Amino acid sequence: MKYCVECGSEYQDHVTQCADCSEIQLVDAAEMRRRGLPLPHERDTREFIRVGTAEDPLTAEEFVRLLEAEHIPVFSRARRAGTVDVLTTGNPHPWWEILVPEEFTQKASELIAQSKAKMDASADENAQAAEDEELENEQASAPGTAS
């Protein structure tokens, strides 16, 4: 058998190029192993568990970067983003779930919780600063005050 080094598809020995990946030459199992690439039956079969959610894609990306920095395998996927989902769940906004392998769930959950706490604190500080600025602007533009 021959294999594509890009997508890992398996082919008969007489085939020379991958049908899906343009112009990729196929190699045998020995070459795949030499390159450190898994054969199709050796693919990762770990179970990924949801350790958190994000309300927007930027937050999801932030969580992914945070976990990758700690060398935790991670991926995020959008959920409840379709029109029917809005009608059935009552939630008009999409959300993303953050998934990691089972053995990393505790550490990843803790890191996401810490990050959410920092984000919440920062949001509270920003809201307070905006209120203070608005109050200053109202006082400065109030009649009877010297400018």
C-alpha atoms as a PDB file:
ATOM      1  CA  MET A   1       0.000   0.000   0.000  1.00  0.00           C
ATOM      2  CA  LYS A   2       0.978   3.621  -0.553  1.00  0.00           C
ATOM      3  CA  TYR A   3      -0.011   6.656   1.473  1.00  0.00           C
ATOM      4  CA  CYS A   4      -0.384  10.394   1.010  1.00  0.00           C
ATOM      5  CA  VAL A   5       1.932  12.332   3.313  1.00  0.00           C
ATOM      6  CA  GLU A   6      -0.527  15.254   3.441  1.00  0.00           C
ATOM      7  CA  CYS A   7      -3.922  13.677   4.225  1.00  0.00           C
ATOM      8  CA  GLY A   8      -2.865  10.119   5.121  1.00  0.00           C
ATOM      9  CA  SER A   9      -5.148   8.469   2.560  1.00  0.00           C
ATOM     10  CA  GLU A  10      -4.309   4.908   1.623  1.00  0.00           C
ATOM     11  CA  TYR A  11      -3.921   3.845  -2.027  1.00  0.00           C
ATOM     12  CA  GLN A  12      -3.225   0.735  -4.081  1.00  0.00           C
ATOM     13  CA  ASP A  13       0.441   0.229  -5.013  1.00  0.00           C
ATOM     14  CA  HIS A  14      -0.075   1.189  -8.675  1.00  0.00           C
ATOM     15  CA  VAL A  15      -1.373   4.705  -7.818  1.00  0.00           C
ATOM     16  CA  THR A  16       1.326   7.402  -7.768  1.00  0.00           C
ATOM     17  CA  GLN A  17      -0.480  10.632  -6.732  1.00  0.00           C
ATOM     18  CA  CYS A  18      -3.133  11.483  -4.143  1.00  0.00           C
ATOM     19  CA  ALA A  19      -6.543  12.156  -5.681  1.00  0.00           C
ATOM     20  CA  ASP A  20      -7.399  14.777  -3.022  1.00  0.00           C
ATOM     21  CA  CYS A  21      -4.095  16.599  -2.512  1.00  0.00           C
ATOM     22  CA  SER A  22      -2.851  18.136  -5.751  1.00  0.00           C
ATOM     23  CA  GLU A  23       0.383  16.681  -7.051  1.00  0.00           C
ATOM     24  CA  ILE A  24       1.410  14.926  -3.824  1.00  0.00           C
ATOM     25  CA  GLN A  25       3.517  11.848  -4.513  1.00  0.00           C
ATOM     26  CA  LEU A  26       2.547   8.763  -2.534  1.00  0.00           C
ATOM     27  CA  VAL A  27       5.020   6.881  -0.342  1.00  0.00           C
ATOM     28  CA  ASP A  28       5.140   3.428   1.226  1.00  0.00           C
ATOM     29  CA  ALA A  29       4.635   2.585   4.912  1.00  0.00           C
ATOM     30  CA  ALA A  30       8.387   2.569   5.614  1.00  0.00           C
ATOM     31  CA  GLU A  31       8.744   6.129   4.308  1.00  0.00           C
ATOM     32  CA  MET A  32       5.725   7.257   6.375  1.00  0.00           C
ATOM     33  CA  ARG A  33       7.379   5.869   9.505  1.00  0.00           C
ATOM     34  CA  ARG A  34      10.738   7.442   8.583  1.00  0.00           C
ATOM     35  CA  ARG A  35       8.975  10.827   8.371  1.00  0.00           C
ATOM     36  CA  GLY A  36       7.210  10.237  11.687  1.00  0.00           C
ATOM     37  CA  LEU A  37       3.746  10.219  10.110  1.00  0.00           C
ATOM     38  CA  PRO A  38       1.010   7.861  11.368  1.00  0.00           C
ATOM     39  CA  LEU A  39      -0.617   5.340   9.086  1.00  0.00           C
ATOM     40  CA  PRO A  40      -4.438   5.553   8.819  1.00  0.00           C
ATOM     41  CA  HIS A  41      -5.003   2.791  11.372  1.00  0.00           C
ATOM     42  CA  GLU A  42      -2.570   4.473  13.788  1.00  0.00           C
ATOM     43  CA  ARG A  43      -4.438   7.771  13.968  1.00  0.00           C
ATOM     44  CA  ASP A  44      -5.114   9.535  17.250  1.00  0.00           C
ATOM     45  CA  THR A  45      -8.128   7.965  18.944  1.00  0.00           C
ATOM     46  CA  ARG A  46      -8.112  10.022  22.146  1.00  0.00           C
ATOM     47  CA  GLU A  47     -11.438  11.245  23.449  1.00  0.00           C
ATOM     48  CA  PHE A  48     -11.707  15.012  23.676  1.00  0.00           C
ATOM     49  CA  ILE A  49     -13.803  16.479  26.513  1.00  0.00           C
ATOM     50  CA  ARG A  50     -15.399  19.940  26.715  1.00  0.00           C
ATOM     51  CA  VAL A  51     -13.624  21.988  29.367  1.00  0.00           C
ATOM     52  CA  GLY A  52     -15.197  25.341  28.670  1.00  0.00           C
ATOM     53  CA  THR A  53     -17.204  27.551  26.378  1.00  0.00           C
ATOM     54  CA  ALA A  54     -16.740  30.982  24.869  1.00  0.00           C
ATOM     55  CA  GLU A  55     -19.422  33.419  23.774  1.00  0.00           C
ATOM     56  CA  ASP A  56     -17.478  34.710  20.781  1.00  0.00           C
ATOM     57  CA  PRO A  57     -14.759  33.493  18.427  1.00  0.00           C
ATOM     58  CA  LEU A  58     -12.097  35.880  19.763  1.00  0.00           C
ATOM     59  CA  THR A  59     -12.496  34.546  23.291  1.00  0.00           C
ATOM     60  CA  ALA A  60     -12.388  30.998  21.939  1.00  0.00           C
ATOM     61  CA  GLU A  61      -9.125  31.824  20.140  1.00  0.00           C
ATOM     62  CA  GLU A  62      -7.724  33.301  23.353  1.00  0.00           C
ATOM     63  CA  PHE A  63      -8.539  30.097  25.273  1.00  0.00           C
ATOM     64  CA  VAL A  64      -6.963  27.983  22.528  1.00  0.00           C
ATOM     65  CA  ARG A  65      -3.761  30.089  22.624  1.00  0.00           C
ATOM     66  CA  LEU A  66      -3.676  29.848  26.418  1.00  0.00           C
ATOM     67  CA  LEU A  67      -3.936  26.053  26.381  1.00  0.00           C
ATOM     68  CA  GLU A  68      -1.485  25.651  23.505  1.00  0.00           C
ATOM     69  CA  ALA A  69       1.039  27.743  25.451  1.00  0.00           C
ATOM     70  CA  GLU A  70       0.757  25.117  28.205  1.00  0.00           C
ATOM     71  CA  HIS A  71       1.303  22.353  25.606  1.00  0.00           C
ATOM     72  CA  ILE A  72      -2.246  21.047  25.961  1.00  0.00           C
ATOM     73  CA  PRO A  73      -3.743  19.657  22.737  1.00  0.00           C
ATOM     74  CA  VAL A  74      -6.914  21.661  22.102  1.00  0.00           C
ATOM     75  CA  PHE A  75      -9.498  22.562  19.509  1.00  0.00           C
ATOM     76  CA  SER A  76     -12.624  24.664  19.537  1.00  0.00           C
ATOM     77  CA  ARG A  77     -15.793  24.320  17.529  1.00  0.00           C
ATOM     78  CA  ALA A  78     -18.784  26.549  17.032  1.00  0.00           C
ATOM     79  CA  ARG A  79     -22.071  25.327  18.469  1.00  0.00           C
ATOM     80  CA  ARG A  80     -25.653  26.641  18.296  1.00  0.00           C
ATOM     81  CA  ALA A  81     -24.835  28.960  15.422  1.00  0.00           C
ATOM     82  CA  GLY A  82     -27.679  28.181  13.015  1.00  0.00           C
ATOM     83  CA  THR A  83     -31.081  29.786  12.582  1.00  0.00           C
ATOM     84  CA  VAL A  84     -32.917  26.710  13.816  1.00  0.00           C
ATOM     85  CA  ASP A  85     -30.729  26.635  16.922  1.00  0.00           C
ATOM     86  CA  VAL A  86     -31.794  30.194  17.767  1.00  0.00           C
ATOM     87  CA  LEU A  87     -35.452  29.198  17.442  1.00  0.00           C
ATOM     88  CA  THR A  88     -35.124  26.022  19.518  1.00  0.00           C
ATOM     89  CA  THR A  89     -32.775  27.251  22.250  1.00  0.00           C
ATOM     90  CA  GLY A  90     -33.788  30.892  22.559  1.00  0.00           C
ATOM     91  CA  ASN A  91     -30.127  31.880  22.462  1.00  0.00           C
ATOM     92  CA  PRO A  92     -29.533  34.336  19.602  1.00  0.00           C
ATOM     93  CA  HIS A  93     -25.758  34.220  19.966  1.00  0.00           C
ATOM     94  CA  PRO A  94     -23.433  31.416  18.942  1.00  0.00           C
ATOM     95  CA  TRP A  95     -21.032  29.919  21.435  1.00  0.00           C
ATOM     96  CA  TRP A  96     -17.885  27.865  21.076  1.00  0.00           C
ATOM     97  CA  GLU A  97     -16.842  24.847  23.038  1.00  0.00           C
ATOM     98  CA  ILE A  98     -13.229  24.222  23.972  1.00  0.00           C
ATOM     99  CA  LEU A  99     -12.175  20.569  23.924  1.00  0.00           C
ATOM    100  CA  VAL A 100      -9.035  18.834  25.222  1.00  0.00           C
ATOM    101  CA  PRO A 101      -7.954  15.205  25.670  1.00  0.00           C
ATOM    102  CA  GLU A 102      -9.387  13.543  28.751  1.00  0.00           C
ATOM    103  CA  GLU A 103      -6.074  13.491  30.620  1.00  0.00           C
ATOM    104  CA  PHE A 104      -5.798  17.324  30.425  1.00  0.00           C
ATOM    105  CA  THR A 105      -9.324  18.236  31.546  1.00  0.00           C
ATOM    106  CA  GLN A 106      -8.514  19.331  35.095  1.00  0.00           C
ATOM    107  CA  LYS A 107      -5.553  21.544  34.213  1.00  0.00           C
ATOM    108  CA  ALA A 108      -7.347  23.033  31.184  1.00  0.00           C
ATOM    109  CA  SER A 109     -10.509  23.744  33.206  1.00  0.00           C
ATOM    110  CA  GLU A 110      -8.463  25.556  35.845  1.00  0.00           C
ATOM    111  CA  LEU A 111      -6.623  27.646  33.243  1.00  0.00           C
ATOM    112  CA  ILE A 112      -9.855  28.630  31.503  1.00  0.00           C
ATOM    113  CA  ALA A 113     -11.510  29.520  34.824  1.00  0.00           C
ATOM    114  CA  GLN A 114      -8.537  31.736  35.736  1.00  0.00           C
ATOM    115  CA  SER A 115      -8.637  33.394  32.326  1.00  0.00           C
ATOM    116  CA  LYS A 116     -12.393  34.016  32.583  1.00  0.00           C
ATOM    117  CA  ALA A 117     -11.911  35.569  36.037  1.00  0.00           C
ATOM    118  CA  LYS A 118      -9.254  37.935  34.641  1.00  0.00           C
ATOM    119  CA  MET A 119     -11.515  38.835  31.700  1.00  0.00           C
ATOM    120  CA  ASP A 120     -14.446  39.519  34.035  1.00  0.00           C
ATOM    121  CA  ALA A 121     -12.288  41.702  36.302  1.00  0.00           C
ATOM    122  CA  SER A 122     -10.982  43.602  33.291  1.00  0.00           C
ATOM    123  CA  ALA A 123     -14.533  44.095  31.971  1.00  0.00           C
ATOM    124  CA  ASP A 124     -15.639  45.433  35.359  1.00  0.00           C
ATOM    125  CA  GLU A 125     -12.693  47.859  35.440  1.00  0.00           C
ATOM    126  CA  ASN A 126     -13.446  49.016  31.893  1.00  0.00           C
ATOM    127  CA  ALA A 127     -17.123  49.532  32.717  1.00  0.00           C
ATOM    128  CA  GLN A 128     -16.213  51.572  35.800  1.00  0.00           C
ATOM    129  CA  ALA A 129     -13.743  53.675  33.793  1.00  0.00           C
ATOM    130  CA  ALA A 130     -16.410  54.337  31.146  1.00  0.00           C
ATOM    131  CA  GLU A 131     -18.915  55.389  33.835  1.00  0.00           C
ATOM    132  CA  ASP A 132     -16.344  57.696  35.430  1.00  0.00           C
ATOM    133  CA  GLU A 133     -15.522  59.272  32.069  1.00  0.00           C
ATOM    134  CA  GLU A 134     -19.206  59.764  31.275  1.00  0.00           C
ATOM    135  CA  LEU A 135     -19.762  61.414  34.673  1.00  0.00           C
ATOM    136  CA  GLU A 136     -16.804  63.751  34.091  1.00  0.00           C
ATOM    137  CA  ASN A 137     -18.149  64.691  30.647  1.00  0.00           C
ATOM    138  CA  GLU A 138     -21.610  65.378  32.089  1.00  0.00           C
ATOM    139  CA  GLN A 139     -20.155  67.557  34.843  1.00  0.00           C
ATOM    140  CA  ALA A 140     -17.969  69.461  32.404  1.00  0.00           C
ATOM    141  CA  SER A 141     -20.866  70.181  30.042  1.00  0.00           C
ATOM    142  CA  ALA A 142     -23.449  70.957  32.775  1.00  0.00           C
ATOM    143  CA  PRO A 143     -24.815  74.540  32.708  1.00  0.00           C
ATOM    144  CA  GLY A 144     -23.354  76.846  35.286  1.00  0.00           C
ATOM    145  CA  THR A 145     -19.932  75.208  35.365  1.00  0.00           C
ATOM    146  CA  ALA A 146     -16.869  77.064  34.246  1.00  0.00           C
ATOM    147  CA  SER A 147     -15.071  75.609  31.234  1.00  0.00           C
END
